[in-house]
Every structure is written in structure tokens, then in C-alpha cells.
């Protein structure tokens, strides 16, 4: 029985021309299937990405077994998002993580999940990825939780800021009102 955590070998975003937008490769420590083919060099990674893109560039399926790796993927407007795992990994868990990540990014980018929006907000995308996958281990599959942890806190507009300028203007207002009252007597 496999009692390990759900692990990911890589997370990729490739545009519809086959160019890498974002790639993060993981080497989970202590995974029972550690003997699987590793993508350690840039040359191996690029070759893997190119072949994977050729197999998945047409919209259609959600999952493929490619080069002894399990790839779960989703097409967006001009991007393809991939989560790569070991062939023995639970594909439903990988799919849930990918869907949660995409939904969280969609919330943060106001449903503008396209290449330009991803590149302009790469910091938010990477934070979403870090909240979803930590060192190759899936840690969150709830998109609302991921988005709330990543979103920038908004300033509270009901909070009254008191500084020297506001105190001086309040003093001037009270002074004018007192002069008006004294003038009426």
C-alpha cells in the first residue's frame, strides 16, 4: 500500500506555439517511485516539453501518459497548463490540483488567463503555484483558499487616518465655529 503524499514531478505552462512560459521541475525526496526517469538537465527538459506539446497541442483530452510520465493538462486561450507526475500517481488528485490552480489564477486575473496576463502577473501566478504545490507535494486543492492566500490585502477605506494635517484642519474648523458663535453674541 502506498502511503506517500501526492507528488508532482513538474509544472509547465506552454504557449500555443510550443514555447515555454513557465516551468518548475521538482525532485520530491523520499518518494517510493524515485527510480523513474528524471528530467534534470535543461536539454532533457526542453526535449520533453517539445514532445509533450506535440502530443497535446490539439484541444481534447485531459490526461496522457508520455515518456513514462503522467501528464494532466488543460487548455486556456493561448496557453496549455500541465502537471506532470509519476505514472503510478493518482491522476484524479493531479487533476484536482491543476483545476484548483487554474481557478485561483482565474480569480486573481479576473478570468483573463492568457499569455499576456500571466506574464504581467507572474508574481501572482508563482505564488498560486507555491500555495498549490510545495516542493513537489500537493498541499492545497481549494481554489478559493489559494486565491485568498495570494491576493494582495486591500487597504481598509473606512479607517480614519489621523495625522498632523487632519488635527490642524480640525483645530481650524473649531476655531472658525467659535469665532462665528462669539460674533453672534
C-alpha atoms as a PDB file:
ATOM      1  CA  UNK A   1       0.000   0.000   0.000  1.00  0.00           C
ATOM      2  CA  UNK A   2       1.346   3.433  -0.965  1.00  0.00           C
ATOM      3  CA  UNK A   3       1.061   5.803   1.993  1.00  0.00           C
ATOM      4  CA  UNK A   4       3.097   8.614   0.456  1.00  0.00           C
ATOM      5  CA  UNK A   5       1.837  12.088  -0.273  1.00  0.00           C
ATOM      6  CA  UNK A   6       0.615  13.033  -3.722  1.00  0.00           C
ATOM      7  CA  UNK A   7       3.666  14.260  -5.590  1.00  0.00           C
ATOM      8  CA  UNK A   8       4.338  16.184  -8.767  1.00  0.00           C
ATOM      9  CA  UNK A   9       7.422  15.960 -10.965  1.00  0.00           C
ATOM     10  CA  UNK A  10       6.867  19.217 -12.849  1.00  0.00           C
ATOM     11  CA  UNK A  11       4.512  22.075 -13.531  1.00  0.00           C
ATOM     12  CA  UNK A  12       4.577  23.613 -17.007  1.00  0.00           C
ATOM     13  CA  UNK A  13       2.899  26.417 -18.888  1.00  0.00           C
ATOM     14  CA  UNK A  14       3.493  26.287 -22.634  1.00  0.00           C
ATOM     15  CA  UNK A  15       2.010  28.708 -25.166  1.00  0.00           C
ATOM     16  CA  UNK A  16       0.197  27.555 -28.312  1.00  0.00           C
ATOM     17  CA  UNK A  17       3.401  27.961 -30.331  1.00  0.00           C
ATOM     18  CA  UNK A  18       5.203  25.417 -28.128  1.00  0.00           C
ATOM     19  CA  UNK A  19       7.363  27.918 -26.244  1.00  0.00           C
ATOM     20  CA  UNK A  20       7.906  27.647 -22.507  1.00  0.00           C
ATOM     21  CA  UNK A  21       6.178  30.351 -20.476  1.00  0.00           C
ATOM     22  CA  UNK A  22       6.825  28.817 -17.055  1.00  0.00           C
ATOM     23  CA  UNK A  23       8.453  25.582 -15.975  1.00  0.00           C
ATOM     24  CA  UNK A  24       9.103  24.331 -12.487  1.00  0.00           C
ATOM     25  CA  UNK A  25      10.628  20.890 -12.009  1.00  0.00           C
ATOM     26  CA  UNK A  26      10.517  19.125  -8.667  1.00  0.00           C
ATOM     27  CA  UNK A  27      12.538  16.285  -7.231  1.00  0.00           C
ATOM     28  CA  UNK A  28      10.391  15.016  -4.341  1.00  0.00           C
ATOM     29  CA  UNK A  29      12.518  13.492  -1.627  1.00  0.00           C
ATOM     30  CA  UNK A  30      11.653  10.071  -0.313  1.00  0.00           C
ATOM     31  CA  UNK A  31       9.076   9.284  -2.983  1.00  0.00           C
ATOM     32  CA  UNK A  32       8.758   5.489  -3.327  1.00  0.00           C
ATOM     33  CA  UNK A  33       8.960   5.746  -7.112  1.00  0.00           C
ATOM     34  CA  UNK A  34      12.166   7.721  -7.128  1.00  0.00           C
ATOM     35  CA  UNK A  35      13.702   5.455  -9.739  1.00  0.00           C
ATOM     36  CA  UNK A  36      11.552   6.903 -12.543  1.00  0.00           C
ATOM     37  CA  UNK A  37      13.118   8.882 -15.351  1.00  0.00           C
ATOM     38  CA  UNK A  38      14.283  12.272 -14.073  1.00  0.00           C
ATOM     39  CA  UNK A  39      14.380  15.458 -16.110  1.00  0.00           C
ATOM     40  CA  UNK A  40      17.441  17.078 -14.599  1.00  0.00           C
ATOM     41  CA  UNK A  41      19.189  18.862 -17.465  1.00  0.00           C
ATOM     42  CA  UNK A  42      17.812  21.737 -19.488  1.00  0.00           C
ATOM     43  CA  UNK A  43      18.296  19.753 -22.695  1.00  0.00           C
ATOM     44  CA  UNK A  44      16.212  16.838 -21.346  1.00  0.00           C
ATOM     45  CA  UNK A  45      13.529  19.241 -20.097  1.00  0.00           C
ATOM     46  CA  UNK A  46      13.262  21.081 -23.440  1.00  0.00           C
ATOM     47  CA  UNK A  47      13.085  17.805 -25.384  1.00  0.00           C
ATOM     48  CA  UNK A  48      10.387  16.517 -23.015  1.00  0.00           C
ATOM     49  CA  UNK A  49       8.393  19.762 -23.308  1.00  0.00           C
ATOM     50  CA  UNK A  50       8.622  19.757 -27.106  1.00  0.00           C
ATOM     51  CA  UNK A  51       7.436  16.162 -27.390  1.00  0.00           C
ATOM     52  CA  UNK A  52       4.672  16.688 -24.837  1.00  0.00           C
ATOM     53  CA  UNK A  53       3.456  19.768 -26.670  1.00  0.00           C
ATOM     54  CA  UNK A  54       3.351  17.849 -29.976  1.00  0.00           C
ATOM     55  CA  UNK A  55       1.118  15.211 -28.351  1.00  0.00           C
ATOM     56  CA  UNK A  56      -1.210  17.662 -26.563  1.00  0.00           C
ATOM     57  CA  UNK A  57      -1.380  20.755 -28.789  1.00  0.00           C
ATOM     58  CA  UNK A  58      -4.834  19.892 -30.099  1.00  0.00           C
ATOM     59  CA  UNK A  59      -7.645  20.577 -27.664  1.00  0.00           C
ATOM     60  CA  UNK A  60      -9.153  17.384 -26.417  1.00  0.00           C
ATOM     61  CA  UNK A  61      -8.170  15.099 -23.589  1.00  0.00           C
ATOM     62  CA  UNK A  62      -7.115  15.974 -20.088  1.00  0.00           C
ATOM     63  CA  UNK A  63      -4.573  13.257 -19.396  1.00  0.00           C
ATOM     64  CA  UNK A  64      -1.811  11.459 -21.258  1.00  0.00           C
ATOM     65  CA  UNK A  65       0.950   9.013 -20.466  1.00  0.00           C
ATOM     66  CA  UNK A  66       4.024  10.349 -22.244  1.00  0.00           C
ATOM     67  CA  UNK A  67       7.636   9.203 -21.960  1.00  0.00           C
ATOM     68  CA  UNK A  68       6.943   7.296 -18.706  1.00  0.00           C
ATOM     69  CA  UNK A  69       5.339  10.401 -17.137  1.00  0.00           C
ATOM     70  CA  UNK A  70       1.704  11.051 -16.373  1.00  0.00           C
ATOM     71  CA  UNK A  71       0.659  14.452 -17.732  1.00  0.00           C
ATOM     72  CA  UNK A  72      -2.572  16.139 -16.738  1.00  0.00           C
ATOM     73  CA  UNK A  73      -3.248  19.234 -18.816  1.00  0.00           C
ATOM     74  CA  UNK A  74      -5.782  21.952 -19.563  1.00  0.00           C
ATOM     75  CA  UNK A  75      -6.006  24.363 -22.464  1.00  0.00           C
ATOM     76  CA  UNK A  76      -6.659  28.038 -21.858  1.00  0.00           C
ATOM     77  CA  UNK A  77      -6.982  30.719 -24.553  1.00  0.00           C
ATOM     78  CA  UNK A  78      -3.378  30.697 -25.770  1.00  0.00           C
ATOM     79  CA  UNK A  79      -1.736  28.585 -23.058  1.00  0.00           C
ATOM     80  CA  UNK A  80      -1.579  24.953 -22.032  1.00  0.00           C
ATOM     81  CA  UNK A  81      -1.115  24.169 -18.328  1.00  0.00           C
ATOM     82  CA  UNK A  82       0.465  20.845 -17.318  1.00  0.00           C
ATOM     83  CA  UNK A  83       1.045  18.958 -14.110  1.00  0.00           C
ATOM     84  CA  UNK A  84       3.482  16.105 -14.609  1.00  0.00           C
ATOM     85  CA  UNK A  85       3.613  13.173 -12.233  1.00  0.00           C
ATOM     86  CA  UNK A  86       4.848   9.644 -11.871  1.00  0.00           C
ATOM     87  CA  UNK A  87       2.810   7.021 -13.818  1.00  0.00           C
ATOM     88  CA  UNK A  88       1.683   5.434 -10.546  1.00  0.00           C
ATOM     89  CA  UNK A  89       0.415   8.756  -9.163  1.00  0.00           C
ATOM     90  CA  UNK A  90      -3.279   9.381  -8.593  1.00  0.00           C
ATOM     91  CA  UNK A  91      -4.451  11.201 -11.724  1.00  0.00           C
ATOM     92  CA  UNK A  92      -7.591  12.477 -10.033  1.00  0.00           C
ATOM     93  CA  UNK A  93      -5.511  14.240  -7.398  1.00  0.00           C
ATOM     94  CA  UNK A  94      -3.236  15.757 -10.057  1.00  0.00           C
ATOM     95  CA  UNK A  95      -6.309  16.909 -11.966  1.00  0.00           C
ATOM     96  CA  UNK A  96      -7.852  18.421  -8.828  1.00  0.00           C
ATOM     97  CA  UNK A  97      -4.639  20.353  -8.142  1.00  0.00           C
ATOM     98  CA  UNK A  98      -4.492  21.658 -11.719  1.00  0.00           C
ATOM     99  CA  UNK A  99      -8.137  22.735 -11.704  1.00  0.00           C
ATOM    100  CA  UNK A 100      -7.723  24.469  -8.320  1.00  0.00           C
ATOM    101  CA  UNK A 101      -4.621  26.281  -9.564  1.00  0.00           C
ATOM    102  CA  UNK A 102      -6.354  27.426 -12.762  1.00  0.00           C
ATOM    103  CA  UNK A 103      -9.457  28.582 -10.884  1.00  0.00           C
ATOM    104  CA  UNK A 104      -7.348  30.535  -8.377  1.00  0.00           C
ATOM    105  CA  UNK A 105      -5.356  32.187 -11.164  1.00  0.00           C
ATOM    106  CA  UNK A 106      -8.626  32.958 -12.946  1.00  0.00           C
ATOM    107  CA  UNK A 107      -9.960  34.659  -9.815  1.00  0.00           C
ATOM    108  CA  UNK A 108      -6.809  36.723  -9.362  1.00  0.00           C
ATOM    109  CA  UNK A 109      -6.525  37.701 -13.042  1.00  0.00           C
ATOM    110  CA  UNK A 110     -10.257  38.375 -13.364  1.00  0.00           C
ATOM    111  CA  UNK A 111     -10.716  35.475 -15.809  1.00  0.00           C
ATOM    112  CA  UNK A 112      -8.058  36.853 -18.180  1.00  0.00           C
ATOM    113  CA  UNK A 113      -5.955  33.685 -18.169  1.00  0.00           C
ATOM    114  CA  UNK A 114      -3.947  34.356 -21.303  1.00  0.00           C
ATOM    115  CA  UNK A 115      -0.251  34.637 -22.055  1.00  0.00           C
ATOM    116  CA  UNK A 116      -0.062  38.408 -21.626  1.00  0.00           C
ATOM    117  CA  UNK A 117      -1.976  38.385 -18.343  1.00  0.00           C
ATOM    118  CA  UNK A 118       0.115  35.530 -16.961  1.00  0.00           C
ATOM    119  CA  UNK A 119       3.391  37.234 -17.871  1.00  0.00           C
ATOM    120  CA  UNK A 120       2.277  40.602 -16.451  1.00  0.00           C
ATOM    121  CA  UNK A 121       1.187  38.953 -13.203  1.00  0.00           C
ATOM    122  CA  UNK A 122       3.856  36.277 -12.993  1.00  0.00           C
ATOM    123  CA  UNK A 123       4.366  37.031  -9.302  1.00  0.00           C
ATOM    124  CA  UNK A 124       0.755  36.098  -8.509  1.00  0.00           C
ATOM    125  CA  UNK A 125       0.930  33.006 -10.724  1.00  0.00           C
ATOM    126  CA  UNK A 126       4.084  31.787  -8.981  1.00  0.00           C
ATOM    127  CA  UNK A 127       2.567  32.454  -5.562  1.00  0.00           C
ATOM    128  CA  UNK A 128      -0.505  30.436  -6.592  1.00  0.00           C
ATOM    129  CA  UNK A 129       1.766  27.640  -7.720  1.00  0.00           C
ATOM    130  CA  UNK A 130       3.654  27.719  -4.417  1.00  0.00           C
ATOM    131  CA  UNK A 131       0.381  27.616  -2.476  1.00  0.00           C
ATOM    132  CA  UNK A 132      -0.800  24.637  -4.541  1.00  0.00           C
ATOM    133  CA  UNK A 133       2.432  22.624  -4.793  1.00  0.00           C
ATOM    134  CA  UNK A 134       5.240  22.807  -2.240  1.00  0.00           C
ATOM    135  CA  UNK A 135       8.488  21.108  -3.248  1.00  0.00           C
ATOM    136  CA  UNK A 136       6.588  18.651  -5.430  1.00  0.00           C
ATOM    137  CA  UNK A 137       3.879  17.836  -2.888  1.00  0.00           C
ATOM    138  CA  UNK A 138       0.277  18.890  -3.472  1.00  0.00           C
ATOM    139  CA  UNK A 139      -0.720  20.900  -0.415  1.00  0.00           C
ATOM    140  CA  UNK A 140      -3.976  22.594  -1.458  1.00  0.00           C
ATOM    141  CA  UNK A 141      -6.802  21.798  -3.865  1.00  0.00           C
ATOM    142  CA  UNK A 142      -9.280  24.530  -2.937  1.00  0.00           C
ATOM    143  CA  UNK A 143      -9.104  27.447  -5.370  1.00  0.00           C
ATOM    144  CA  UNK A 144     -10.719  29.963  -3.018  1.00  0.00           C
ATOM    145  CA  UNK A 145      -8.177  29.209  -0.291  1.00  0.00           C
ATOM    146  CA  UNK A 146      -5.292  29.522  -2.746  1.00  0.00           C
ATOM    147  CA  UNK A 147      -6.570  32.840  -4.126  1.00  0.00           C
ATOM    148  CA  UNK A 148      -7.186  34.278  -0.653  1.00  0.00           C
ATOM    149  CA  UNK A 149      -3.661  33.423   0.468  1.00  0.00           C
ATOM    150  CA  UNK A 150      -2.156  35.025  -2.628  1.00  0.00           C
ATOM    151  CA  UNK A 151      -4.295  38.121  -3.088  1.00  0.00           C
ATOM    152  CA  UNK A 152      -2.901  41.444  -2.043  1.00  0.00           C
ATOM    153  CA  UNK A 153      -4.620  42.845   1.042  1.00  0.00           C
ATOM    154  CA  UNK A 154      -6.721  45.878   0.271  1.00  0.00           C
ATOM    155  CA  UNK A 155      -6.453  48.997   2.372  1.00  0.00           C
ATOM    156  CA  UNK A 156      -9.425  49.492   4.665  1.00  0.00           C
ATOM    157  CA  UNK A 157     -11.157  52.589   3.313  1.00  0.00           C
ATOM    158  CA  UNK A 158     -13.298  53.092   6.429  1.00  0.00           C
ATOM    159  CA  UNK A 159     -10.256  53.530   8.636  1.00  0.00           C
ATOM    160  CA  UNK A 160      -9.684  57.156   9.616  1.00  0.00           C
ATOM    161  CA  UNK A 161      -6.095  58.263   9.391  1.00  0.00           C
ATOM    162  CA  UNK A 162      -5.188  60.866  11.989  1.00  0.00           C
ATOM    163  CA  UNK A 163      -2.045  62.828  11.375  1.00  0.00           C
ATOM    164  CA  UNK A 164      -0.844  66.381  11.994  1.00  0.00           C
ATOM    165  CA  UNK A 165      -2.643  67.757   8.931  1.00  0.00           C
ATOM    166  CA  UNK A 166      -6.047  66.396   9.945  1.00  0.00           C
ATOM    167  CA  UNK A 167      -5.588  67.630  13.521  1.00  0.00           C
ATOM    168  CA  UNK A 168      -4.653  71.095  12.251  1.00  0.00           C
ATOM    169  CA  UNK A 169      -7.688  71.251   9.947  1.00  0.00           C
ATOM    170  CA  UNK A 170      -9.953  70.115  12.810  1.00  0.00           C
ATOM    171  CA  UNK A 171      -8.476  72.851  15.033  1.00  0.00           C
ATOM    172  CA  UNK A 172      -9.061  75.473  12.308  1.00  0.00           C
ATOM    173  CA  UNK A 173     -12.691  74.339  11.884  1.00  0.00           C
ATOM    174  CA  UNK A 174     -13.374  74.533  15.638  1.00  0.00           C
ATOM    175  CA  UNK A 175     -11.675  77.934  15.804  1.00  0.00           C
ATOM    176  CA  UNK A 176     -13.848  79.308  12.960  1.00  0.00           C
ATOM    177  CA  UNK A 177     -17.050  77.954  14.534  1.00  0.00           C
ATOM    178  CA  UNK A 178     -16.133  79.516  17.892  1.00  0.00           C
ATOM    179  CA  UNK A 179     -15.450  82.887  16.219  1.00  0.00           C
ATOM    180  CA  UNK A 180     -18.827  82.716  14.484  1.00  0.00           C
ATOM    181  CA  UNK A 181     -20.604  81.972  17.770  1.00  0.00           C
ATOM    182  CA  UNK A 182     -18.785  84.750  19.599  1.00  0.00           C
ATOM    183  CA  UNK A 183     -19.642  87.152  16.754  1.00  0.00           C
ATOM    184  CA  UNK A 184     -23.360  86.312  17.086  1.00  0.00           C
ATOM    185  CA  UNK A 185     -23.411  87.301  20.793  1.00  0.00           C
END
